[in-house]
Amino acid sequence: MTATPVDYELLLPDGWFRIGIDPASRERSVDALVDRRFGGRDNAPHLKRRLRDDLLAQAATAYDLGGIELYLSMQQAGALTVPASLLVTLLPPGGASGAADASVVELAAGTALRRRGCTGAESKGGEALPSVTLDYQVPVPGTETHLLLTFSSPLVQIADAMVALFDAVAGSLRWKGRKQRRE
């Protein structure tokens, strides 16, 4: 198995929360997010429990898919939360793909493959819930692996604005202690 890179950093907007998806830290991390979301109030314990269970399931799935970090937006726009996520995955050698609808872009962290898409996930009621997605595959220096940044948001009505936000976050990717490309 390839070692997980720890020498990168990403700048995320205020209001984004990192969920530890490793089994050892998952429950503690999810509990902290749930407590933050409910602000210490316990007037809806069934909602709190449901959110906790959903987040634990999402974190477990992310981990099972090879994820190494999961971020959820808790960013506020007035009274509404801006729903979005970022899953960081390490792709093993040969795991990187060249999709037909992808483009090659230059980031400070190196040359990346960028792919924008739209998915439709099935809801419990059987309705398709579309999401705008944006993937970046970035080679990990000195290895044959790639870091995959997978952004997603159900706000398809403002997809271009969400993609601009995701592009900015991906553009902040830096390798610590390594010489960066000039922009």
N, C-alpha and C. Protein backbone atom coordinates (compact mmCIF):
# COMPACT_ATOMS: atom_id res chain seq x y z
N MET A 1 0.84 -1.19 0.00
CA MET A 1 0.00 0.00 0.00
C MET A 1 0.88 1.25 0.00
N THR A 2 0.46 2.26 -0.69
CA THR A 2 1.21 3.51 -0.80
C THR A 2 0.97 4.36 0.43
N ALA A 3 2.02 4.99 0.92
CA ALA A 3 1.88 5.87 2.08
C ALA A 3 1.03 7.08 1.72
N THR A 4 0.20 7.51 2.63
CA THR A 4 -0.65 8.68 2.42
C THR A 4 0.19 9.94 2.53
N PRO A 5 0.11 10.83 1.53
CA PRO A 5 0.90 12.06 1.62
C PRO A 5 0.34 12.97 2.71
N VAL A 6 1.22 13.53 3.48
CA VAL A 6 0.80 14.46 4.54
C VAL A 6 1.44 15.83 4.33
N ASP A 7 2.15 15.97 3.22
CA ASP A 7 2.89 17.20 3.00
C ASP A 7 2.19 18.14 2.03
N TYR A 8 0.87 18.19 2.09
CA TYR A 8 0.13 19.14 1.27
C TYR A 8 -0.78 19.96 2.16
N GLU A 9 -1.20 21.09 1.62
CA GLU A 9 -2.16 21.92 2.35
C GLU A 9 -3.14 22.53 1.37
N LEU A 10 -4.34 22.73 1.85
CA LEU A 10 -5.42 23.36 1.10
C LEU A 10 -5.99 24.49 1.94
N LEU A 11 -6.33 25.57 1.30
CA LEU A 11 -7.01 26.66 1.99
C LEU A 11 -8.50 26.55 1.69
N LEU A 12 -9.28 26.45 2.73
CA LEU A 12 -10.73 26.33 2.58
C LEU A 12 -11.41 27.57 3.14
N PRO A 13 -12.58 27.91 2.59
CA PRO A 13 -13.30 29.08 3.11
C PRO A 13 -13.71 28.88 4.57
N ASP A 14 -13.94 29.99 5.26
CA ASP A 14 -14.48 29.91 6.62
C ASP A 14 -15.78 29.13 6.57
N GLY A 15 -16.01 28.35 7.57
CA GLY A 15 -17.26 27.61 7.64
C GLY A 15 -17.16 26.20 7.10
N TRP A 16 -15.99 25.79 6.60
CA TRP A 16 -15.82 24.41 6.16
C TRP A 16 -15.26 23.62 7.33
N PHE A 17 -15.72 22.39 7.49
CA PHE A 17 -15.35 21.56 8.63
C PHE A 17 -14.71 20.27 8.15
N ARG A 18 -13.57 19.92 8.74
CA ARG A 18 -12.88 18.67 8.39
C ARG A 18 -13.43 17.56 9.27
N ILE A 19 -13.89 16.49 8.62
CA ILE A 19 -14.36 15.31 9.34
C ILE A 19 -13.27 14.26 9.26
N GLY A 20 -12.81 13.81 10.41
CA GLY A 20 -11.85 12.72 10.42
C GLY A 20 -12.55 11.45 10.00
N ILE A 21 -12.12 10.85 8.90
CA ILE A 21 -12.82 9.67 8.40
C ILE A 21 -12.16 8.36 8.81
N ASP A 22 -10.96 8.44 9.36
CA ASP A 22 -10.30 7.27 9.88
C ASP A 22 -11.14 6.71 11.03
N PRO A 23 -11.31 5.40 11.10
CA PRO A 23 -12.16 4.82 12.15
C PRO A 23 -11.78 5.26 13.57
N ALA A 24 -10.51 5.54 13.81
CA ALA A 24 -10.07 5.92 15.15
C ALA A 24 -10.56 7.31 15.57
N SER A 25 -10.79 8.20 14.59
CA SER A 25 -11.18 9.57 14.93
C SER A 25 -12.58 9.95 14.45
N ARG A 26 -13.23 9.06 13.75
CA ARG A 26 -14.50 9.36 13.07
C ARG A 26 -15.59 9.83 14.03
N GLU A 27 -15.87 9.08 15.08
CA GLU A 27 -16.98 9.43 15.98
C GLU A 27 -16.72 10.76 16.69
N ARG A 28 -15.52 10.96 17.16
CA ARG A 28 -15.17 12.20 17.85
C ARG A 28 -15.34 13.41 16.92
N SER A 29 -14.90 13.25 15.68
CA SER A 29 -14.99 14.32 14.71
C SER A 29 -16.45 14.63 14.34
N VAL A 30 -17.24 13.59 14.11
CA VAL A 30 -18.65 13.78 13.76
C VAL A 30 -19.40 14.41 14.94
N ASP A 31 -19.11 13.95 16.15
CA ASP A 31 -19.77 14.53 17.33
C ASP A 31 -19.46 16.03 17.45
N ALA A 32 -18.22 16.41 17.15
CA ALA A 32 -17.85 17.84 17.21
C ALA A 32 -18.63 18.65 16.18
N LEU A 33 -18.80 18.10 14.98
CA LEU A 33 -19.56 18.80 13.94
C LEU A 33 -21.03 18.91 14.33
N VAL A 34 -21.61 17.86 14.83
CA VAL A 34 -23.02 17.87 15.24
C VAL A 34 -23.23 18.89 16.37
N ASP A 35 -22.33 18.88 17.34
CA ASP A 35 -22.43 19.86 18.43
C ASP A 35 -22.32 21.28 17.91
N ARG A 36 -21.42 21.49 16.97
CA ARG A 36 -21.26 22.82 16.38
C ARG A 36 -22.52 23.22 15.62
N ARG A 37 -23.09 22.29 14.87
CA ARG A 37 -24.28 22.59 14.07
C ARG A 37 -25.48 22.93 14.93
N PHE A 38 -25.62 22.25 16.05
CA PHE A 38 -26.77 22.48 16.92
C PHE A 38 -26.48 23.52 18.01
N GLY A 39 -25.26 24.03 18.05
CA GLY A 39 -24.90 25.10 18.97
C GLY A 39 -25.18 24.79 20.43
N GLY A 40 -25.02 23.54 20.82
CA GLY A 40 -25.24 23.17 22.21
C GLY A 40 -26.71 22.94 22.58
N ARG A 41 -27.62 23.24 21.65
CA ARG A 41 -29.05 23.02 21.91
C ARG A 41 -29.38 21.54 21.73
N ASP A 42 -30.29 21.07 22.53
CA ASP A 42 -30.69 19.68 22.41
C ASP A 42 -32.21 19.57 22.35
N ASN A 43 -32.83 20.54 21.64
CA ASN A 43 -34.28 20.56 21.56
C ASN A 43 -34.83 19.67 20.44
N ALA A 44 -33.97 19.04 19.68
CA ALA A 44 -34.39 18.14 18.61
C ALA A 44 -33.47 16.93 18.59
N PRO A 45 -33.52 16.10 19.64
CA PRO A 45 -32.57 14.99 19.72
C PRO A 45 -32.68 13.99 18.57
N HIS A 46 -33.88 13.81 18.01
CA HIS A 46 -34.03 12.88 16.89
C HIS A 46 -33.33 13.41 15.63
N LEU A 47 -33.38 14.74 15.41
CA LEU A 47 -32.67 15.33 14.27
C LEU A 47 -31.16 15.24 14.47
N LYS A 48 -30.75 15.48 15.70
CA LYS A 48 -29.33 15.41 16.03
C LYS A 48 -28.79 13.99 15.81
N ARG A 49 -29.57 13.00 16.26
CA ARG A 49 -29.17 11.60 16.10
C ARG A 49 -29.12 11.22 14.60
N ARG A 50 -30.12 11.66 13.84
CA ARG A 50 -30.16 11.35 12.41
C ARG A 50 -28.97 11.97 11.68
N LEU A 51 -28.66 13.23 11.99
CA LEU A 51 -27.51 13.89 11.38
C LEU A 51 -26.24 13.14 11.73
N ARG A 52 -26.08 12.76 12.99
CA ARG A 52 -24.90 12.03 13.43
C ARG A 52 -24.77 10.71 12.67
N ASP A 53 -25.87 9.96 12.58
CA ASP A 53 -25.84 8.68 11.88
C ASP A 53 -25.51 8.85 10.40
N ASP A 54 -26.11 9.87 9.77
CA ASP A 54 -25.84 10.13 8.34
C ASP A 54 -24.37 10.50 8.12
N LEU A 55 -23.84 11.35 8.99
CA LEU A 55 -22.44 11.77 8.85
C LEU A 55 -21.48 10.61 9.08
N LEU A 56 -21.78 9.77 10.07
CA LEU A 56 -20.94 8.60 10.31
C LEU A 56 -20.95 7.67 9.10
N ALA A 57 -22.12 7.48 8.49
CA ALA A 57 -22.21 6.63 7.30
C ALA A 57 -21.44 7.23 6.13
N GLN A 58 -21.55 8.55 5.93
CA GLN A 58 -20.81 9.21 4.85
C GLN A 58 -19.31 9.11 5.07
N ALA A 59 -18.87 9.30 6.31
CA ALA A 59 -17.44 9.22 6.62
C ALA A 59 -16.93 7.80 6.40
N ALA A 60 -17.71 6.81 6.79
CA ALA A 60 -17.30 5.41 6.59
C ALA A 60 -17.21 5.09 5.10
N THR A 61 -18.18 5.54 4.32
CA THR A 61 -18.15 5.32 2.87
C THR A 61 -16.93 5.99 2.24
N ALA A 62 -16.68 7.24 2.64
CA ALA A 62 -15.51 7.97 2.11
C ALA A 62 -14.22 7.20 2.42
N TYR A 63 -14.10 6.70 3.63
CA TYR A 63 -12.91 5.95 4.03
C TYR A 63 -12.80 4.66 3.21
N ASP A 64 -13.93 3.96 3.05
CA ASP A 64 -13.93 2.71 2.29
C ASP A 64 -13.57 2.92 0.82
N LEU A 65 -13.86 4.11 0.29
CA LEU A 65 -13.53 4.44 -1.09
C LEU A 65 -12.09 4.92 -1.26
N GLY A 66 -11.33 4.90 -0.17
CA GLY A 66 -9.93 5.32 -0.23
C GLY A 66 -9.71 6.77 0.16
N GLY A 67 -10.73 7.41 0.68
CA GLY A 67 -10.59 8.80 1.09
C GLY A 67 -9.61 8.98 2.23
N ILE A 68 -8.95 10.13 2.23
CA ILE A 68 -8.03 10.44 3.33
C ILE A 68 -8.49 11.68 4.10
N GLU A 69 -9.30 12.52 3.47
CA GLU A 69 -9.87 13.68 4.15
C GLU A 69 -11.24 13.98 3.57
N LEU A 70 -12.14 14.43 4.44
CA LEU A 70 -13.48 14.82 4.01
C LEU A 70 -13.79 16.16 4.66
N TYR A 71 -14.23 17.10 3.84
CA TYR A 71 -14.62 18.42 4.33
C TYR A 71 -16.06 18.68 3.94
N LEU A 72 -16.83 19.26 4.86
CA LEU A 72 -18.21 19.65 4.58
C LEU A 72 -18.35 21.14 4.83
N SER A 73 -19.09 21.79 3.96
CA SER A 73 -19.35 23.21 4.13
C SER A 73 -20.44 23.42 5.17
N MET A 74 -20.15 24.24 6.13
CA MET A 74 -21.14 24.72 7.09
C MET A 74 -21.26 26.23 6.93
N GLN A 75 -20.74 26.72 5.80
CA GLN A 75 -20.71 28.13 5.48
C GLN A 75 -22.14 28.67 5.39
N GLN A 76 -22.37 29.83 5.96
CA GLN A 76 -23.69 30.44 5.98
C GLN A 76 -23.82 31.53 4.93
N ALA A 77 -24.97 31.57 4.28
CA ALA A 77 -25.36 32.66 3.39
C ALA A 77 -26.71 33.13 3.93
N GLY A 78 -26.67 34.13 4.78
CA GLY A 78 -27.88 34.54 5.48
C GLY A 78 -28.26 33.44 6.46
N ALA A 79 -29.49 32.98 6.40
CA ALA A 79 -29.96 31.93 7.30
C ALA A 79 -29.74 30.53 6.74
N LEU A 80 -29.23 30.46 5.51
CA LEU A 80 -29.05 29.16 4.85
C LEU A 80 -27.60 28.68 4.91
N THR A 81 -27.45 27.37 4.98
CA THR A 81 -26.13 26.76 4.89
C THR A 81 -25.85 26.44 3.42
N VAL A 82 -24.65 26.76 2.96
CA VAL A 82 -24.25 26.48 1.58
C VAL A 82 -23.74 25.04 1.54
N PRO A 83 -24.53 24.09 0.99
CA PRO A 83 -24.12 22.69 1.01
C PRO A 83 -23.06 22.39 -0.05
N ALA A 84 -21.96 21.83 0.41
CA ALA A 84 -20.88 21.43 -0.49
C ALA A 84 -19.96 20.48 0.27
N SER A 85 -19.19 19.72 -0.49
CA SER A 85 -18.24 18.80 0.14
C SER A 85 -16.98 18.69 -0.70
N LEU A 86 -15.93 18.24 -0.04
CA LEU A 86 -14.66 17.95 -0.69
C LEU A 86 -14.14 16.65 -0.11
N LEU A 87 -13.90 15.68 -0.97
CA LEU A 87 -13.28 14.43 -0.55
C LEU A 87 -11.91 14.36 -1.21
N VAL A 88 -10.88 14.15 -0.40
CA VAL A 88 -9.51 14.00 -0.89
C VAL A 88 -9.19 12.51 -0.84
N THR A 89 -8.79 11.97 -1.99
CA THR A 89 -8.50 10.54 -2.12
C THR A 89 -7.11 10.38 -2.71
N LEU A 90 -6.42 9.34 -2.28
CA LEU A 90 -5.13 9.00 -2.87
C LEU A 90 -5.36 7.89 -3.88
N LEU A 91 -5.04 8.20 -5.14
CA LEU A 91 -5.17 7.20 -6.21
C LEU A 91 -3.86 6.44 -6.32
N PRO A 92 -3.90 5.13 -6.29
CA PRO A 92 -2.67 4.34 -6.40
C PRO A 92 -2.08 4.44 -7.80
N PRO A 93 -0.84 3.98 -7.99
CA PRO A 93 -0.26 3.98 -9.32
C PRO A 93 -1.19 3.27 -10.30
N GLY A 94 -1.40 3.89 -11.45
CA GLY A 94 -2.29 3.33 -12.45
C GLY A 94 -3.75 3.65 -12.18
N GLY A 95 -4.05 4.30 -11.05
CA GLY A 95 -5.42 4.63 -10.69
C GLY A 95 -5.91 5.92 -11.29
N ALA A 96 -5.01 6.74 -11.81
CA ALA A 96 -5.41 8.01 -12.43
C ALA A 96 -6.06 7.73 -13.76
N SER A 97 -7.06 8.53 -14.07
CA SER A 97 -7.75 8.32 -15.34
C SER A 97 -7.73 9.58 -16.18
N GLY A 98 -7.77 9.40 -17.46
CA GLY A 98 -7.84 10.51 -18.39
C GLY A 98 -9.22 10.53 -19.03
N ALA A 99 -10.13 11.25 -18.46
CA ALA A 99 -11.50 11.29 -18.97
C ALA A 99 -11.57 12.16 -20.22
N ALA A 100 -12.48 11.80 -21.13
CA ALA A 100 -12.60 12.51 -22.40
C ALA A 100 -13.01 13.96 -22.22
N ASP A 101 -13.83 14.25 -21.23
CA ASP A 101 -14.32 15.61 -21.04
C ASP A 101 -13.45 16.41 -20.06
N ALA A 102 -12.24 15.96 -19.87
CA ALA A 102 -11.33 16.62 -18.92
C ALA A 102 -10.42 17.60 -19.64
N SER A 103 -9.87 18.52 -18.87
CA SER A 103 -8.89 19.47 -19.40
C SER A 103 -7.67 19.45 -18.49
N VAL A 104 -6.55 19.84 -19.03
CA VAL A 104 -5.31 19.93 -18.26
C VAL A 104 -5.13 21.37 -17.84
N VAL A 105 -4.89 21.58 -16.54
CA VAL A 105 -4.71 22.92 -15.99
C VAL A 105 -3.43 22.96 -15.17
N GLU A 106 -2.91 24.14 -15.02
CA GLU A 106 -1.71 24.34 -14.20
C GLU A 106 -2.11 24.92 -12.86
N LEU A 107 -1.73 24.24 -11.79
CA LEU A 107 -1.93 24.72 -10.43
C LEU A 107 -0.56 25.00 -9.82
N ALA A 108 -0.53 25.70 -8.73
CA ALA A 108 0.74 25.91 -8.03
C ALA A 108 1.37 24.58 -7.63
N ALA A 109 0.53 23.57 -7.38
CA ALA A 109 1.01 22.25 -6.96
C ALA A 109 1.44 21.38 -8.14
N GLY A 110 1.21 21.84 -9.37
CA GLY A 110 1.62 21.06 -10.53
C GLY A 110 0.52 20.98 -11.57
N THR A 111 0.81 20.25 -12.63
CA THR A 111 -0.15 20.05 -13.71
C THR A 111 -1.23 19.10 -13.22
N ALA A 112 -2.50 19.47 -13.45
CA ALA A 112 -3.61 18.66 -12.96
C ALA A 112 -4.60 18.38 -14.08
N LEU A 113 -5.31 17.30 -13.92
CA LEU A 113 -6.41 16.96 -14.81
C LEU A 113 -7.69 17.45 -14.12
N ARG A 114 -8.47 18.27 -14.81
CA ARG A 114 -9.69 18.87 -14.24
C ARG A 114 -10.89 18.36 -15.02
N ARG A 115 -11.91 17.90 -14.29
CA ARG A 115 -13.12 17.40 -14.94
C ARG A 115 -14.35 17.89 -14.18
N ARG A 116 -15.23 18.57 -14.92
CA ARG A 116 -16.49 19.04 -14.35
C ARG A 116 -17.61 18.11 -14.80
N GLY A 117 -18.53 17.84 -13.90
CA GLY A 117 -19.64 16.97 -14.27
C GLY A 117 -20.88 17.28 -13.46
N CYS A 118 -21.89 16.49 -13.71
CA CYS A 118 -23.14 16.59 -12.98
C CYS A 118 -23.61 15.16 -12.74
N THR A 119 -23.96 14.87 -11.51
CA THR A 119 -24.42 13.53 -11.18
C THR A 119 -25.84 13.61 -10.65
N GLY A 120 -26.49 12.49 -10.63
CA GLY A 120 -27.82 12.39 -10.04
C GLY A 120 -27.84 11.24 -9.07
N ALA A 121 -27.85 11.53 -7.78
CA ALA A 121 -27.89 10.50 -6.75
C ALA A 121 -29.34 10.17 -6.42
N GLU A 122 -29.60 8.93 -6.12
CA GLU A 122 -30.96 8.53 -5.76
C GLU A 122 -31.25 8.91 -4.31
N SER A 123 -32.38 9.56 -4.11
CA SER A 123 -32.81 9.88 -2.75
C SER A 123 -33.65 8.72 -2.23
N LYS A 124 -34.01 8.79 -0.96
CA LYS A 124 -34.81 7.73 -0.36
C LYS A 124 -36.18 7.63 -1.02
N GLY A 125 -36.69 8.72 -1.56
CA GLY A 125 -37.98 8.71 -2.23
C GLY A 125 -37.91 8.28 -3.68
N GLY A 126 -36.71 7.93 -4.17
CA GLY A 126 -36.55 7.48 -5.54
C GLY A 126 -36.33 8.60 -6.53
N GLU A 127 -36.29 9.85 -6.08
CA GLU A 127 -36.07 10.98 -6.97
C GLU A 127 -34.57 11.17 -7.18
N ALA A 128 -34.21 11.58 -8.38
CA ALA A 128 -32.81 11.88 -8.67
C ALA A 128 -32.50 13.28 -8.17
N LEU A 129 -31.47 13.40 -7.35
CA LEU A 129 -31.04 14.69 -6.83
C LEU A 129 -29.73 15.06 -7.52
N PRO A 130 -29.75 16.01 -8.45
CA PRO A 130 -28.53 16.33 -9.18
C PRO A 130 -27.52 17.08 -8.31
N SER A 131 -26.27 16.91 -8.64
CA SER A 131 -25.18 17.63 -7.99
C SER A 131 -24.17 18.04 -9.04
N VAL A 132 -23.60 19.21 -8.86
CA VAL A 132 -22.49 19.63 -9.70
C VAL A 132 -21.23 19.06 -9.04
N THR A 133 -20.34 18.49 -9.86
CA THR A 133 -19.11 17.92 -9.34
C THR A 133 -17.91 18.51 -10.08
N LEU A 134 -16.80 18.54 -9.40
CA LEU A 134 -15.55 18.98 -10.00
C LEU A 134 -14.42 18.14 -9.41
N ASP A 135 -13.67 17.48 -10.28
CA ASP A 135 -12.55 16.64 -9.86
C ASP A 135 -11.24 17.25 -10.34
N TYR A 136 -10.24 17.14 -9.50
CA TYR A 136 -8.87 17.49 -9.87
C TYR A 136 -7.99 16.29 -9.53
N GLN A 137 -7.20 15.83 -10.50
CA GLN A 137 -6.20 14.80 -10.26
C GLN A 137 -4.84 15.46 -10.36
N VAL A 138 -4.11 15.41 -9.26
CA VAL A 138 -2.80 16.07 -9.18
C VAL A 138 -1.74 15.04 -8.83
N PRO A 139 -0.68 14.93 -9.64
CA PRO A 139 0.39 13.97 -9.30
C PRO A 139 1.06 14.34 -7.98
N VAL A 140 1.32 13.33 -7.17
CA VAL A 140 2.06 13.53 -5.92
C VAL A 140 3.54 13.50 -6.28
N PRO A 141 4.27 14.59 -6.03
CA PRO A 141 5.68 14.64 -6.42
C PRO A 141 6.50 13.48 -5.87
N GLY A 142 7.35 12.94 -6.72
CA GLY A 142 8.25 11.88 -6.31
C GLY A 142 7.60 10.51 -6.19
N THR A 143 6.34 10.39 -6.63
CA THR A 143 5.63 9.10 -6.56
C THR A 143 4.92 8.86 -7.89
N GLU A 144 4.29 7.73 -8.00
CA GLU A 144 3.46 7.44 -9.17
C GLU A 144 1.98 7.54 -8.82
N THR A 145 1.68 8.13 -7.67
CA THR A 145 0.29 8.27 -7.22
C THR A 145 -0.25 9.65 -7.56
N HIS A 146 -1.56 9.80 -7.44
CA HIS A 146 -2.23 11.07 -7.67
C HIS A 146 -3.13 11.38 -6.48
N LEU A 147 -3.26 12.65 -6.19
CA LEU A 147 -4.23 13.12 -5.21
C LEU A 147 -5.48 13.51 -6.00
N LEU A 148 -6.62 12.99 -5.61
CA LEU A 148 -7.87 13.31 -6.27
C LEU A 148 -8.70 14.18 -5.34
N LEU A 149 -9.01 15.38 -5.80
CA LEU A 149 -9.90 16.29 -5.07
C LEU A 149 -11.26 16.20 -5.74
N THR A 150 -12.27 15.76 -5.01
CA THR A 150 -13.62 15.63 -5.55
C THR A 150 -14.55 16.58 -4.81
N PHE A 151 -14.97 17.62 -5.51
CA PHE A 151 -15.89 18.61 -4.96
C PHE A 151 -17.30 18.28 -5.42
N SER A 152 -18.29 18.59 -4.58
CA SER A 152 -19.67 18.34 -4.95
C SER A 152 -20.60 19.30 -4.23
N SER A 153 -21.67 19.69 -4.92
CA SER A 153 -22.71 20.53 -4.32
C SER A 153 -24.03 20.28 -5.03
N PRO A 154 -25.14 20.24 -4.28
CA PRO A 154 -26.44 20.09 -4.91
C PRO A 154 -26.99 21.41 -5.46
N LEU A 155 -26.23 22.47 -5.35
CA LEU A 155 -26.70 23.78 -5.81
C LEU A 155 -26.46 23.94 -7.31
N VAL A 156 -27.13 23.11 -8.11
CA VAL A 156 -26.95 23.16 -9.56
C VAL A 156 -27.46 24.46 -10.16
N GLN A 157 -28.35 25.15 -9.46
CA GLN A 157 -28.87 26.42 -9.96
C GLN A 157 -27.78 27.49 -10.01
N ILE A 158 -26.78 27.36 -9.17
CA ILE A 158 -25.65 28.30 -9.17
C ILE A 158 -24.34 27.53 -9.38
N ALA A 159 -24.41 26.56 -10.29
CA ALA A 159 -23.27 25.67 -10.53
C ALA A 159 -21.99 26.43 -10.87
N ASP A 160 -22.09 27.45 -11.72
CA ASP A 160 -20.87 28.18 -12.12
C ASP A 160 -20.21 28.86 -10.92
N ALA A 161 -21.00 29.41 -10.02
CA ALA A 161 -20.45 30.05 -8.82
C ALA A 161 -19.80 29.01 -7.91
N MET A 162 -20.44 27.85 -7.77
CA MET A 162 -19.87 26.79 -6.94
C MET A 162 -18.57 26.27 -7.55
N VAL A 163 -18.54 26.11 -8.87
CA VAL A 163 -17.33 25.65 -9.55
C VAL A 163 -16.20 26.67 -9.37
N ALA A 164 -16.53 27.96 -9.44
CA ALA A 164 -15.51 29.00 -9.21
C ALA A 164 -14.93 28.88 -7.80
N LEU A 165 -15.78 28.60 -6.81
CA LEU A 165 -15.30 28.39 -5.44
C LEU A 165 -14.40 27.16 -5.39
N PHE A 166 -14.83 26.06 -6.01
CA PHE A 166 -14.04 24.84 -6.01
C PHE A 166 -12.70 25.04 -6.72
N ASP A 167 -12.71 25.78 -7.83
CA ASP A 167 -11.46 26.09 -8.54
C ASP A 167 -10.49 26.85 -7.64
N ALA A 168 -11.02 27.80 -6.86
CA ALA A 168 -10.17 28.58 -5.96
C ALA A 168 -9.55 27.69 -4.89
N VAL A 169 -10.33 26.78 -4.33
CA VAL A 169 -9.79 25.87 -3.31
C VAL A 169 -8.72 24.97 -3.93
N ALA A 170 -9.01 24.39 -5.10
CA ALA A 170 -8.02 23.53 -5.76
C ALA A 170 -6.76 24.32 -6.10
N GLY A 171 -6.93 25.58 -6.49
CA GLY A 171 -5.78 26.42 -6.81
C GLY A 171 -4.90 26.72 -5.61
N SER A 172 -5.44 26.52 -4.40
CA SER A 172 -4.65 26.77 -3.18
C SER A 172 -3.79 25.57 -2.78
N LEU A 173 -3.96 24.42 -3.47
CA LEU A 173 -3.19 23.23 -3.12
C LEU A 173 -1.70 23.52 -3.23
N ARG A 174 -0.99 23.22 -2.17
CA ARG A 174 0.46 23.43 -2.12
C ARG A 174 1.12 22.21 -1.51
N TRP A 175 2.31 21.93 -1.98
CA TRP A 175 3.13 20.88 -1.36
C TRP A 175 4.05 21.57 -0.39
N LYS A 176 3.99 21.21 0.87
CA LYS A 176 4.83 21.82 1.91
C LYS A 176 6.29 21.46 1.69
N GLY A 177 7.14 22.44 1.88
CA GLY A 177 8.57 22.20 1.79
C GLY A 177 9.07 21.89 0.40
N ARG A 178 8.25 22.15 -0.60
CA ARG A 178 8.68 21.90 -1.99
C ARG A 178 8.56 23.19 -2.76
N LYS A 179 9.40 23.31 -3.75
CA LYS A 179 9.36 24.50 -4.61
C LYS A 179 8.06 24.48 -5.41
N GLN A 180 7.33 25.57 -5.41
CA GLN A 180 6.05 25.67 -6.12
C GLN A 180 6.26 26.26 -7.50
N ARG A 181 5.35 25.94 -8.40
CA ARG A 181 5.37 26.54 -9.73
C ARG A 181 4.99 28.00 -9.62
N ARG A 182 5.55 28.82 -10.46
CA ARG A 182 5.16 30.22 -10.51
C ARG A 182 3.87 30.35 -11.32
N GLU A 183 2.99 31.21 -10.84
CA GLU A 183 1.71 31.39 -11.54
C GLU A 183 1.77 32.60 -12.43
